[in-house]
């Protein structure tokens, strides 16, 4: 367990890299019943997210790094009541009327922007942007009452893996300097959840390839990722190097033809700089997928 900088109130940062599934399908599957029941591709993911929400202390705020928001620099939502962005297409009409009225956390967002800039990270606010499905799909499962304020951070469009590890390190430093503006209701301790929302396997054609070769490739990469994030045999320099050079892993480019869904993991690792406390391997949309949790 890492030593935390003492603040008033004290800060606890829990971190989770999750696979958030195929667009709105997890919620549509949860809502479907009877003869119209949707094929259940997300049962294990849904149960894992429900369990995660009970295993971790309920957060006072969530910082979401979503694979579905890229910009030339780190952007942070600062709208107090963000709308939802239905950033998917080709789904039934009910997918475009989903609701998740979580509030923003403007004070925390403003503080993060200030402290990221102090650490030399180019960051700007986005007052207009809403929550994309990388946020509202998993959080609808984890905290269905939408009673936890949230902000979103973008990844950067250069897709530089080392840069995203450094972003995670900067997020921890920014929070540990003190987060007095967050509404902690007089608590002695404030719980922040950093949620990296992506998918550890994200080959859209591969999801629908039922061949043995496709499963072997997906499994090899998943096994590599599980070993990288769990084993105590690596020093942190070695673990970081493996993550930074993830594309050298077995079948890496099969699992991620483009790496935007993996990079939230790099941010989560940077927040902690150590092996994950818990690793899950599950089946998601026919292929193995991983989730990793760090408990502060």
C-alpha atoms as a PDB file:
ATOM      1  CA  UNK A   1       0.000   0.000   0.000  1.00  0.00           C
ATOM      2  CA  UNK A   2       1.345   3.408  -0.966  1.00  0.00           C
ATOM      3  CA  UNK A   3       2.005   6.089   1.608  1.00  0.00           C
ATOM      4  CA  UNK A   4      -0.477   8.902   1.180  1.00  0.00           C
ATOM      5  CA  UNK A   5       0.215  12.549   1.654  1.00  0.00           C
ATOM      6  CA  UNK A   6      -1.850  13.659   4.607  1.00  0.00           C
ATOM      7  CA  UNK A   7      -4.428  16.312   3.827  1.00  0.00           C
ATOM      8  CA  UNK A   8      -7.489  17.617   5.632  1.00  0.00           C
ATOM      9  CA  UNK A   9      -9.574  15.651   4.865  1.00  0.00           C
ATOM     10  CA  UNK A  10      -7.293  12.724   3.954  1.00  0.00           C
ATOM     11  CA  UNK A  11      -7.537  11.328   0.445  1.00  0.00           C
ATOM     12  CA  UNK A  12      -7.956   7.723  -0.637  1.00  0.00           C
ATOM     13  CA  UNK A  13      -7.541   6.978  -4.337  1.00  0.00           C
ATOM     14  CA  UNK A  14      -8.872   3.681  -5.643  1.00  0.00           C
ATOM     15  CA  UNK A  15      -8.297   2.804  -9.273  1.00  0.00           C
ATOM     16  CA  UNK A  16      -9.916   0.426 -11.740  1.00  0.00           C
ATOM     17  CA  UNK A  17      -9.248  -0.313 -15.389  1.00  0.00           C
ATOM     18  CA  UNK A  18     -12.382  -1.868 -16.824  1.00  0.00           C
ATOM     19  CA  UNK A  19     -13.645  -3.212 -20.115  1.00  0.00           C
ATOM     20  CA  UNK A  20     -16.887  -1.372 -20.767  1.00  0.00           C
ATOM     21  CA  UNK A  21     -18.369  -3.599 -23.469  1.00  0.00           C
ATOM     22  CA  UNK A  22     -19.938  -3.001 -26.854  1.00  0.00           C
ATOM     23  CA  UNK A  23     -21.646   0.381 -27.001  1.00  0.00           C
ATOM     24  CA  UNK A  24     -24.997   0.362 -25.169  1.00  0.00           C
ATOM     25  CA  UNK A  25     -25.323  -3.441 -25.282  1.00  0.00           C
ATOM     26  CA  UNK A  26     -24.654  -4.067 -21.566  1.00  0.00           C
ATOM     27  CA  UNK A  27     -27.612  -1.903 -20.541  1.00  0.00           C
ATOM     28  CA  UNK A  28     -29.845  -3.196 -23.331  1.00  0.00           C
ATOM     29  CA  UNK A  29     -29.093  -6.748 -22.212  1.00  0.00           C
ATOM     30  CA  UNK A  30     -29.968  -5.855 -18.620  1.00  0.00           C
ATOM     31  CA  UNK A  31     -33.288  -4.341 -19.735  1.00  0.00           C
ATOM     32  CA  UNK A  32     -34.344  -7.084 -22.162  1.00  0.00           C
ATOM     33  CA  UNK A  33     -36.815  -9.750 -21.063  1.00  0.00           C
ATOM     34  CA  UNK A  34     -38.899 -12.583 -22.476  1.00  0.00           C
ATOM     35  CA  UNK A  35     -38.932 -13.445 -26.161  1.00  0.00           C
ATOM     36  CA  UNK A  36     -37.273 -10.132 -27.033  1.00  0.00           C
ATOM     37  CA  UNK A  37     -34.305 -10.925 -24.801  1.00  0.00           C
ATOM     38  CA  UNK A  38     -30.998  -9.709 -26.243  1.00  0.00           C
ATOM     39  CA  UNK A  39     -28.136 -12.248 -26.535  1.00  0.00           C
ATOM     40  CA  UNK A  40     -26.152 -12.102 -23.308  1.00  0.00           C
ATOM     41  CA  UNK A  41     -22.602 -11.172 -24.267  1.00  0.00           C
ATOM     42  CA  UNK A  42     -21.907  -9.106 -21.159  1.00  0.00           C
ATOM     43  CA  UNK A  43     -23.056 -11.200 -18.178  1.00  0.00           C
ATOM     44  CA  UNK A  44     -19.587 -11.579 -16.677  1.00  0.00           C
ATOM     45  CA  UNK A  45     -18.740  -7.910 -17.247  1.00  0.00           C
ATOM     46  CA  UNK A  46     -21.966  -6.739 -15.612  1.00  0.00           C
ATOM     47  CA  UNK A  47     -21.461  -8.953 -12.580  1.00  0.00           C
ATOM     48  CA  UNK A  48     -17.828  -7.830 -12.264  1.00  0.00           C
ATOM     49  CA  UNK A  49     -18.826  -4.153 -12.280  1.00  0.00           C
ATOM     50  CA  UNK A  50     -21.570  -4.737  -9.718  1.00  0.00           C
ATOM     51  CA  UNK A  51     -19.087  -6.526  -7.473  1.00  0.00           C
ATOM     52  CA  UNK A  52     -16.529  -3.769  -7.911  1.00  0.00           C
ATOM     53  CA  UNK A  53     -19.003  -1.156  -6.719  1.00  0.00           C
ATOM     54  CA  UNK A  54     -19.581  -3.078  -3.490  1.00  0.00           C
ATOM     55  CA  UNK A  55     -15.955  -4.085  -2.919  1.00  0.00           C
ATOM     56  CA  UNK A  56     -14.659  -0.508  -3.062  1.00  0.00           C
ATOM     57  CA  UNK A  57     -15.759   2.320  -0.763  1.00  0.00           C
ATOM     58  CA  UNK A  58     -18.434   4.393  -2.454  1.00  0.00           C
ATOM     59  CA  UNK A  59     -16.548   7.305  -4.014  1.00  0.00           C
ATOM     60  CA  UNK A  60     -17.183  10.953  -3.323  1.00  0.00           C
ATOM     61  CA  UNK A  61     -16.212  11.631  -6.939  1.00  0.00           C
ATOM     62  CA  UNK A  62     -15.198   9.620 -10.004  1.00  0.00           C
ATOM     63  CA  UNK A  63     -12.533  10.634 -12.504  1.00  0.00           C
ATOM     64  CA  UNK A  64     -13.172   8.761 -15.759  1.00  0.00           C
ATOM     65  CA  UNK A  65     -10.528   8.358 -18.444  1.00  0.00           C
ATOM     66  CA  UNK A  66     -12.541   7.202 -21.439  1.00  0.00           C
ATOM     67  CA  UNK A  67     -11.239   5.582 -24.598  1.00  0.00           C
ATOM     68  CA  UNK A  68     -13.958   7.470 -26.443  1.00  0.00           C
ATOM     69  CA  UNK A  69     -12.543  10.955 -25.958  1.00  0.00           C
ATOM     70  CA  UNK A  70      -9.353  11.937 -27.724  1.00  0.00           C
ATOM     71  CA  UNK A  71      -7.898  15.404 -28.134  1.00  0.00           C
ATOM     72  CA  UNK A  72      -4.573  16.962 -28.963  1.00  0.00           C
ATOM     73  CA  UNK A  73      -4.112  17.707 -25.266  1.00  0.00           C
ATOM     74  CA  UNK A  74      -5.660  16.502 -22.046  1.00  0.00           C
ATOM     75  CA  UNK A  75      -9.184  17.890 -21.734  1.00  0.00           C
ATOM     76  CA  UNK A  76     -11.339  17.914 -18.614  1.00  0.00           C
ATOM     77  CA  UNK A  77     -15.123  18.302 -18.390  1.00  0.00           C
ATOM     78  CA  UNK A  78     -16.226  21.300 -16.334  1.00  0.00           C
ATOM     79  CA  UNK A  79     -19.976  21.322 -16.967  1.00  0.00           C
ATOM     80  CA  UNK A  80     -21.916  21.050 -13.681  1.00  0.00           C
ATOM     81  CA  UNK A  81     -24.690  18.929 -15.233  1.00  0.00           C
ATOM     82  CA  UNK A  82     -23.334  17.218 -18.356  1.00  0.00           C
ATOM     83  CA  UNK A  83     -25.667  15.720 -20.917  1.00  0.00           C
ATOM     84  CA  UNK A  84     -25.072  12.266 -22.401  1.00  0.00           C
ATOM     85  CA  UNK A  85     -23.328  11.658 -25.718  1.00  0.00           C
ATOM     86  CA  UNK A  86     -24.784   8.678 -27.573  1.00  0.00           C
ATOM     87  CA  UNK A  87     -21.534   8.032 -29.415  1.00  0.00           C
ATOM     88  CA  UNK A  88     -22.574   4.803 -31.136  1.00  0.00           C
ATOM     89  CA  UNK A  89     -24.749   3.958 -34.089  1.00  0.00           C
ATOM     90  CA  UNK A  90     -26.938   1.206 -35.473  1.00  0.00           C
ATOM     91  CA  UNK A  91     -28.642   0.269 -32.210  1.00  0.00           C
ATOM     92  CA  UNK A  92     -32.362   0.157 -31.288  1.00  0.00           C
ATOM     93  CA  UNK A  93     -34.042   3.466 -30.487  1.00  0.00           C
ATOM     94  CA  UNK A  94     -34.013   2.781 -26.740  1.00  0.00           C
ATOM     95  CA  UNK A  95     -30.209   3.063 -26.862  1.00  0.00           C
ATOM     96  CA  UNK A  96     -30.662   6.772 -27.578  1.00  0.00           C
ATOM     97  CA  UNK A  97     -32.964   7.487 -24.657  1.00  0.00           C
ATOM     98  CA  UNK A  98     -30.796   6.038 -21.895  1.00  0.00           C
ATOM     99  CA  UNK A  99     -30.406   8.380 -18.961  1.00  0.00           C
ATOM    100  CA  UNK A 100     -27.687   8.844 -16.364  1.00  0.00           C
ATOM    101  CA  UNK A 101     -28.115  12.234 -14.679  1.00  0.00           C
ATOM    102  CA  UNK A 102     -24.874  12.280 -12.683  1.00  0.00           C
ATOM    103  CA  UNK A 103     -23.620  15.746 -11.887  1.00  0.00           C
ATOM    104  CA  UNK A 104     -20.219  17.094 -12.766  1.00  0.00           C
ATOM    105  CA  UNK A 105     -17.658  18.084 -10.144  1.00  0.00           C
ATOM    106  CA  UNK A 106     -16.490  21.482 -11.291  1.00  0.00           C
ATOM    107  CA  UNK A 107     -14.276  22.218  -8.295  1.00  0.00           C
ATOM    108  CA  UNK A 108     -12.318  18.992  -8.693  1.00  0.00           C
ATOM    109  CA  UNK A 109     -12.026  19.499 -12.454  1.00  0.00           C
ATOM    110  CA  UNK A 110     -10.735  23.033 -12.000  1.00  0.00           C
ATOM    111  CA  UNK A 111      -8.230  21.891  -9.416  1.00  0.00           C
ATOM    112  CA  UNK A 112      -6.984  19.078 -11.637  1.00  0.00           C
ATOM    113  CA  UNK A 113      -6.527  21.455 -14.555  1.00  0.00           C
ATOM    114  CA  UNK A 114      -4.485  23.806 -12.410  1.00  0.00           C
ATOM    115  CA  UNK A 115      -2.269  21.114 -10.945  1.00  0.00           C
ATOM    116  CA  UNK A 116      -1.733  19.262 -14.197  1.00  0.00           C
ATOM    117  CA  UNK A 117      -0.545  22.523 -15.741  1.00  0.00           C
ATOM    118  CA  UNK A 118       1.799  23.052 -12.790  1.00  0.00           C
ATOM    119  CA  UNK A 119       3.364  19.682 -13.632  1.00  0.00           C
ATOM    120  CA  UNK A 120       3.938  20.668 -17.241  1.00  0.00           C
ATOM    121  CA  UNK A 121       0.997  18.773 -18.762  1.00  0.00           C
ATOM    122  CA  UNK A 122      -0.944  20.682 -21.395  1.00  0.00           C
ATOM    123  CA  UNK A 123      -4.558  20.572 -20.248  1.00  0.00           C
ATOM    124  CA  UNK A 124      -7.676  22.580 -20.951  1.00  0.00           C
ATOM    125  CA  UNK A 125     -11.250  22.611 -19.806  1.00  0.00           C
ATOM    126  CA  UNK A 126     -14.248  21.680 -21.918  1.00  0.00           C
ATOM    127  CA  UNK A 127     -17.365  23.393 -20.590  1.00  0.00           C
ATOM    128  CA  UNK A 128     -19.718  21.961 -23.186  1.00  0.00           C
ATOM    129  CA  UNK A 129     -18.867  18.284 -23.502  1.00  0.00           C
ATOM    130  CA  UNK A 130     -21.158  15.691 -21.972  1.00  0.00           C
ATOM    131  CA  UNK A 131     -20.497  12.167 -20.725  1.00  0.00           C
ATOM    132  CA  UNK A 132     -19.769   9.566 -23.415  1.00  0.00           C
ATOM    133  CA  UNK A 133     -20.747   5.906 -23.245  1.00  0.00           C
ATOM    134  CA  UNK A 134     -17.332   4.979 -21.813  1.00  0.00           C
ATOM    135  CA  UNK A 135     -18.623   6.751 -18.707  1.00  0.00           C
ATOM    136  CA  UNK A 136     -22.388   6.293 -18.504  1.00  0.00           C
ATOM    137  CA  UNK A 137     -22.558   2.623 -19.483  1.00  0.00           C
ATOM    138  CA  UNK A 138     -20.291   1.216 -16.725  1.00  0.00           C
ATOM    139  CA  UNK A 139     -21.378   3.744 -14.102  1.00  0.00           C
ATOM    140  CA  UNK A 140     -25.039   2.969 -14.762  1.00  0.00           C
ATOM    141  CA  UNK A 141     -24.167  -0.567 -13.675  1.00  0.00           C
ATOM    142  CA  UNK A 142     -21.904   0.375 -10.778  1.00  0.00           C
ATOM    143  CA  UNK A 143     -23.856   3.303  -9.318  1.00  0.00           C
ATOM    144  CA  UNK A 144     -27.330   3.177 -10.892  1.00  0.00           C
ATOM    145  CA  UNK A 145     -28.674   5.987  -8.713  1.00  0.00           C
ATOM    146  CA  UNK A 146     -26.318   8.425 -10.481  1.00  0.00           C
ATOM    147  CA  UNK A 147     -25.579   9.995  -7.120  1.00  0.00           C
ATOM    148  CA  UNK A 148     -21.788  10.225  -7.468  1.00  0.00           C
ATOM    149  CA  UNK A 149     -20.415  13.339  -9.209  1.00  0.00           C
ATOM    150  CA  UNK A 150     -18.073  12.641 -12.101  1.00  0.00           C
ATOM    151  CA  UNK A 151     -15.619  14.312 -14.404  1.00  0.00           C
ATOM    152  CA  UNK A 152     -14.082  12.951 -17.585  1.00  0.00           C
ATOM    153  CA  UNK A 153     -10.526  13.315 -18.844  1.00  0.00           C
ATOM    154  CA  UNK A 154      -9.549  12.710 -22.431  1.00  0.00           C
ATOM    155  CA  UNK A 155      -6.681  10.650 -23.695  1.00  0.00           C
ATOM    156  CA  UNK A 156      -4.421  12.388 -26.196  1.00  0.00           C
ATOM    157  CA  UNK A 157      -4.627  11.701 -29.905  1.00  0.00           C
ATOM    158  CA  UNK A 158      -0.904  11.021 -30.232  1.00  0.00           C
ATOM    159  CA  UNK A 159      -1.672   7.713 -28.449  1.00  0.00           C
ATOM    160  CA  UNK A 160       1.725   7.841 -26.758  1.00  0.00           C
ATOM    161  CA  UNK A 161       1.758   5.094 -24.131  1.00  0.00           C
ATOM    162  CA  UNK A 162       4.526   6.555 -21.961  1.00  0.00           C
ATOM    163  CA  UNK A 163       2.803   9.933 -21.957  1.00  0.00           C
ATOM    164  CA  UNK A 164      -0.336   8.309 -20.557  1.00  0.00           C
ATOM    165  CA  UNK A 165       1.591   6.626 -17.738  1.00  0.00           C
ATOM    166  CA  UNK A 166       2.987  10.060 -16.861  1.00  0.00           C
ATOM    167  CA  UNK A 167      -0.544  11.483 -16.953  1.00  0.00           C
ATOM    168  CA  UNK A 168      -1.578   8.929 -14.330  1.00  0.00           C
ATOM    169  CA  UNK A 169       1.362   9.904 -12.122  1.00  0.00           C
ATOM    170  CA  UNK A 170       0.391  13.556 -12.450  1.00  0.00           C
ATOM    171  CA  UNK A 171      -3.232  12.833 -11.542  1.00  0.00           C
ATOM    172  CA  UNK A 172      -2.161  11.198  -8.268  1.00  0.00           C
ATOM    173  CA  UNK A 173       0.134  14.108  -7.397  1.00  0.00           C
ATOM    174  CA  UNK A 174      -2.613  16.579  -8.225  1.00  0.00           C
ATOM    175  CA  UNK A 175      -5.115  14.837  -5.952  1.00  0.00           C
ATOM    176  CA  UNK A 176      -2.709  14.213  -3.091  1.00  0.00           C
ATOM    177  CA  UNK A 177      -1.843  17.888  -2.864  1.00  0.00           C
ATOM    178  CA  UNK A 178      -5.309  18.223  -1.346  1.00  0.00           C
ATOM    179  CA  UNK A 179      -8.827  18.280  -2.717  1.00  0.00           C
ATOM    180  CA  UNK A 180     -10.566  20.580  -0.273  1.00  0.00           C
ATOM    181  CA  UNK A 181     -12.954  21.922  -2.957  1.00  0.00           C
ATOM    182  CA  UNK A 182     -14.613  18.513  -3.312  1.00  0.00           C
ATOM    183  CA  UNK A 183     -17.823  18.329  -1.308  1.00  0.00           C
ATOM    184  CA  UNK A 184     -16.854  15.817   1.367  1.00  0.00           C
ATOM    185  CA  UNK A 185     -19.760  16.656   3.723  1.00  0.00           C
ATOM    186  CA  UNK A 186     -17.408  17.045   6.645  1.00  0.00           C
ATOM    187  CA  UNK A 187     -15.855  13.592   6.255  1.00  0.00           C
ATOM    188  CA  UNK A 188     -12.394  12.884   7.604  1.00  0.00           C
ATOM    189  CA  UNK A 189     -11.604  10.978   4.418  1.00  0.00           C
ATOM    190  CA  UNK A 190     -12.491  11.591   0.779  1.00  0.00           C
ATOM    191  CA  UNK A 191     -12.633   8.637  -1.606  1.00  0.00           C
ATOM    192  CA  UNK A 192     -11.783   9.241  -5.232  1.00  0.00           C
ATOM    193  CA  UNK A 193     -12.241   6.542  -7.861  1.00  0.00           C
ATOM    194  CA  UNK A 194     -10.060   6.816 -10.942  1.00  0.00           C
ATOM    195  CA  UNK A 195     -11.802   4.730 -13.597  1.00  0.00           C
ATOM    196  CA  UNK A 196      -9.980   3.799 -16.791  1.00  0.00           C
ATOM    197  CA  UNK A 197     -12.739   2.834 -19.189  1.00  0.00           C
ATOM    198  CA  UNK A 198     -11.706   0.953 -22.313  1.00  0.00           C
ATOM    199  CA  UNK A 199     -11.343  -2.661 -23.349  1.00  0.00           C
ATOM    200  CA  UNK A 200      -8.347  -4.949 -23.030  1.00  0.00           C
ATOM    201  CA  UNK A 201      -9.336  -6.562 -26.343  1.00  0.00           C
ATOM    202  CA  UNK A 202     -10.646  -4.241 -29.048  1.00  0.00           C
ATOM    203  CA  UNK A 203     -10.531  -5.787 -32.501  1.00  0.00           C
ATOM    204  CA  UNK A 204     -14.012  -5.309 -33.920  1.00  0.00           C
ATOM    205  CA  UNK A 205     -13.562  -7.952 -36.627  1.00  0.00           C
ATOM    206  CA  UNK A 206     -11.910 -10.252 -34.103  1.00  0.00           C
ATOM    207  CA  UNK A 207     -14.979 -10.151 -31.854  1.00  0.00           C
ATOM    208  CA  UNK A 208     -16.966 -11.838 -34.628  1.00  0.00           C
ATOM    209  CA  UNK A 209     -14.253 -14.282 -35.680  1.00  0.00           C
ATOM    210  CA  UNK A 210     -15.131 -17.639 -34.097  1.00  0.00           C
ATOM    211  CA  UNK A 211     -12.066 -19.464 -35.381  1.00  0.00           C
ATOM    212  CA  UNK A 212      -9.646 -21.255 -33.082  1.00  0.00           C
ATOM    213  CA  UNK A 213      -6.837 -19.041 -34.367  1.00  0.00           C
ATOM    214  CA  UNK A 214      -8.698 -15.895 -33.347  1.00  0.00           C
ATOM    215  CA  UNK A 215      -9.261 -17.259 -29.843  1.00  0.00           C
ATOM    216  CA  UNK A 216      -5.598 -18.294 -29.549  1.00  0.00           C
ATOM    217  CA  UNK A 217      -4.429 -14.804 -30.499  1.00  0.00           C
ATOM    218  CA  UNK A 218      -6.823 -13.074 -28.124  1.00  0.00           C
ATOM    219  CA  UNK A 219      -5.859 -15.434 -25.310  1.00  0.00           C
ATOM    220  CA  UNK A 220      -2.128 -14.962 -25.821  1.00  0.00           C
ATOM    221  CA  UNK A 221      -2.413 -11.206 -25.479  1.00  0.00           C
ATOM    222  CA  UNK A 222      -4.733 -11.484 -22.483  1.00  0.00           C
ATOM    223  CA  UNK A 223      -2.306 -13.850 -20.758  1.00  0.00           C
ATOM    224  CA  UNK A 224       0.572 -11.451 -21.414  1.00  0.00           C
ATOM    225  CA  UNK A 225      -1.430  -8.564 -19.986  1.00  0.00           C
ATOM    226  CA  UNK A 226      -2.459 -10.532 -16.897  1.00  0.00           C
ATOM    227  CA  UNK A 227       1.161 -11.491 -16.225  1.00  0.00           C
ATOM    228  CA  UNK A 228       2.400  -7.950 -16.800  1.00  0.00           C
ATOM    229  CA  UNK A 229      -0.086  -6.406 -14.398  1.00  0.00           C
ATOM    230  CA  UNK A 230       0.088  -9.038 -11.634  1.00  0.00           C
ATOM    231  CA  UNK A 231       3.449 -10.706 -11.273  1.00  0.00           C
ATOM    232  CA  UNK A 232       5.827  -9.667  -8.518  1.00  0.00           C
ATOM    233  CA  UNK A 233       8.743 -10.969 -10.608  1.00  0.00           C
ATOM    234  CA  UNK A 234       9.069  -7.621 -12.402  1.00  0.00           C
ATOM    235  CA  UNK A 235      10.501  -4.453 -10.962  1.00  0.00           C
ATOM    236  CA  UNK A 236       8.313  -1.428 -11.575  1.00  0.00           C
ATOM    237  CA  UNK A 237      10.775  -0.224 -14.195  1.00  0.00           C
ATOM    238  CA  UNK A 238      10.331  -3.551 -15.991  1.00  0.00           C
ATOM    239  CA  UNK A 239       6.542  -3.468 -15.654  1.00  0.00           C
ATOM    240  CA  UNK A 240       6.401   0.090 -16.955  1.00  0.00           C
ATOM    241  CA  UNK A 241       8.682  -0.799 -19.884  1.00  0.00           C
ATOM    242  CA  UNK A 242       6.423  -3.715 -20.829  1.00  0.00           C
ATOM    243  CA  UNK A 243       3.374  -1.444 -20.779  1.00  0.00           C
ATOM    244  CA  UNK A 244       5.085   1.336 -22.703  1.00  0.00           C
ATOM    245  CA  UNK A 245       6.199  -1.195 -25.340  1.00  0.00           C
ATOM    246  CA  UNK A 246       2.939  -3.137 -25.208  1.00  0.00           C
ATOM    247  CA  UNK A 247       2.916  -3.463 -29.018  1.00  0.00           C
ATOM    248  CA  UNK A 248       5.792  -5.966 -28.709  1.00  0.00           C
ATOM    249  CA  UNK A 249       3.569  -8.387 -26.790  1.00  0.00           C
ATOM    250  CA  UNK A 250       2.294 -11.570 -28.450  1.00  0.00           C
ATOM    251  CA  UNK A 251      -0.527 -10.705 -30.871  1.00  0.00           C
ATOM    252  CA  UNK A 252      -0.674  -7.149 -29.534  1.00  0.00           C
ATOM    253  CA  UNK A 253      -1.785  -5.626 -32.804  1.00  0.00           C
ATOM    254  CA  UNK A 254      -4.409  -8.297 -33.248  1.00  0.00           C
ATOM    255  CA  UNK A 255      -5.894  -7.383 -29.860  1.00  0.00           C
ATOM    256  CA  UNK A 256      -5.519  -3.659 -30.529  1.00  0.00           C
ATOM    257  CA  UNK A 257      -5.277  -2.596 -34.176  1.00  0.00           C
ATOM    258  CA  UNK A 258      -5.509   0.887 -32.635  1.00  0.00           C
ATOM    259  CA  UNK A 259      -4.665   1.348 -28.974  1.00  0.00           C
ATOM    260  CA  UNK A 260      -7.142   3.933 -27.697  1.00  0.00           C
ATOM    261  CA  UNK A 261      -9.010   1.311 -25.642  1.00  0.00           C
ATOM    262  CA  UNK A 262      -5.829   0.130 -23.941  1.00  0.00           C
ATOM    263  CA  UNK A 263      -4.401   3.534 -22.968  1.00  0.00           C
ATOM    264  CA  UNK A 264      -6.740   4.107 -19.997  1.00  0.00           C
ATOM    265  CA  UNK A 265      -4.853   1.172 -18.445  1.00  0.00           C
ATOM    266  CA  UNK A 266      -1.596   3.101 -18.789  1.00  0.00           C
ATOM    267  CA  UNK A 267      -3.156   6.027 -16.941  1.00  0.00           C
ATOM    268  CA  UNK A 268      -4.395   3.711 -14.181  1.00  0.00           C
ATOM    269  CA  UNK A 269      -0.982   2.127 -13.825  1.00  0.00           C
ATOM    270  CA  UNK A 270       0.617   5.572 -13.616  1.00  0.00           C
ATOM    271  CA  UNK A 271      -1.696   6.515 -10.753  1.00  0.00           C
ATOM    272  CA  UNK A 272      -0.283   3.579  -8.765  1.00  0.00           C
ATOM    273  CA  UNK A 273       3.079   2.502 -10.217  1.00  0.00           C
ATOM    274  CA  UNK A 274       2.729  -1.027  -8.893  1.00  0.00           C
ATOM    275  CA  UNK A 275       1.161  -4.352  -9.695  1.00  0.00           C
ATOM    276  CA  UNK A 276      -2.611  -4.494  -9.563  1.00  0.00           C
ATOM    277  CA  UNK A 277      -4.117  -5.677  -6.284  1.00  0.00           C
ATOM    278  CA  UNK A 278      -6.752  -7.657  -8.130  1.00  0.00           C
ATOM    279  CA  UNK A 279      -7.025  -8.905 -11.692  1.00  0.00           C
ATOM    280  CA  UNK A 280     -10.082 -10.325 -13.397  1.00  0.00           C
ATOM    281  CA  UNK A 281     -10.187 -12.319 -16.616  1.00  0.00           C
ATOM    282  CA  UNK A 282     -13.616 -12.773 -18.146  1.00  0.00           C
ATOM    283  CA  UNK A 283     -15.338 -13.432 -21.430  1.00  0.00           C
ATOM    284  CA  UNK A 284     -16.693 -10.359 -23.154  1.00  0.00           C
ATOM    285  CA  UNK A 285     -18.261 -10.395 -26.604  1.00  0.00           C
ATOM    286  CA  UNK A 286     -16.798 -13.875 -27.208  1.00  0.00           C
ATOM    287  CA  UNK A 287     -13.193 -12.981 -26.332  1.00  0.00           C
ATOM    288  CA  UNK A 288     -11.142 -12.890 -23.104  1.00  0.00           C
ATOM    289  CA  UNK A 289     -10.974  -9.502 -21.428  1.00  0.00           C
ATOM    290  CA  UNK A 290      -9.228  -8.198 -18.325  1.00  0.00           C
ATOM    291  CA  UNK A 291      -9.969  -5.747 -15.551  1.00  0.00           C
ATOM    292  CA  UNK A 292      -7.456  -4.531 -12.971  1.00  0.00           C
ATOM    293  CA  UNK A 293      -8.071  -2.939  -9.570  1.00  0.00           C
ATOM    294  CA  UNK A 294      -5.764  -1.045  -7.227  1.00  0.00           C
ATOM    295  CA  UNK A 295      -6.927  -0.381  -3.655  1.00  0.00           C
ATOM    296  CA  UNK A 296      -5.402   2.515  -1.751  1.00  0.00           C
END
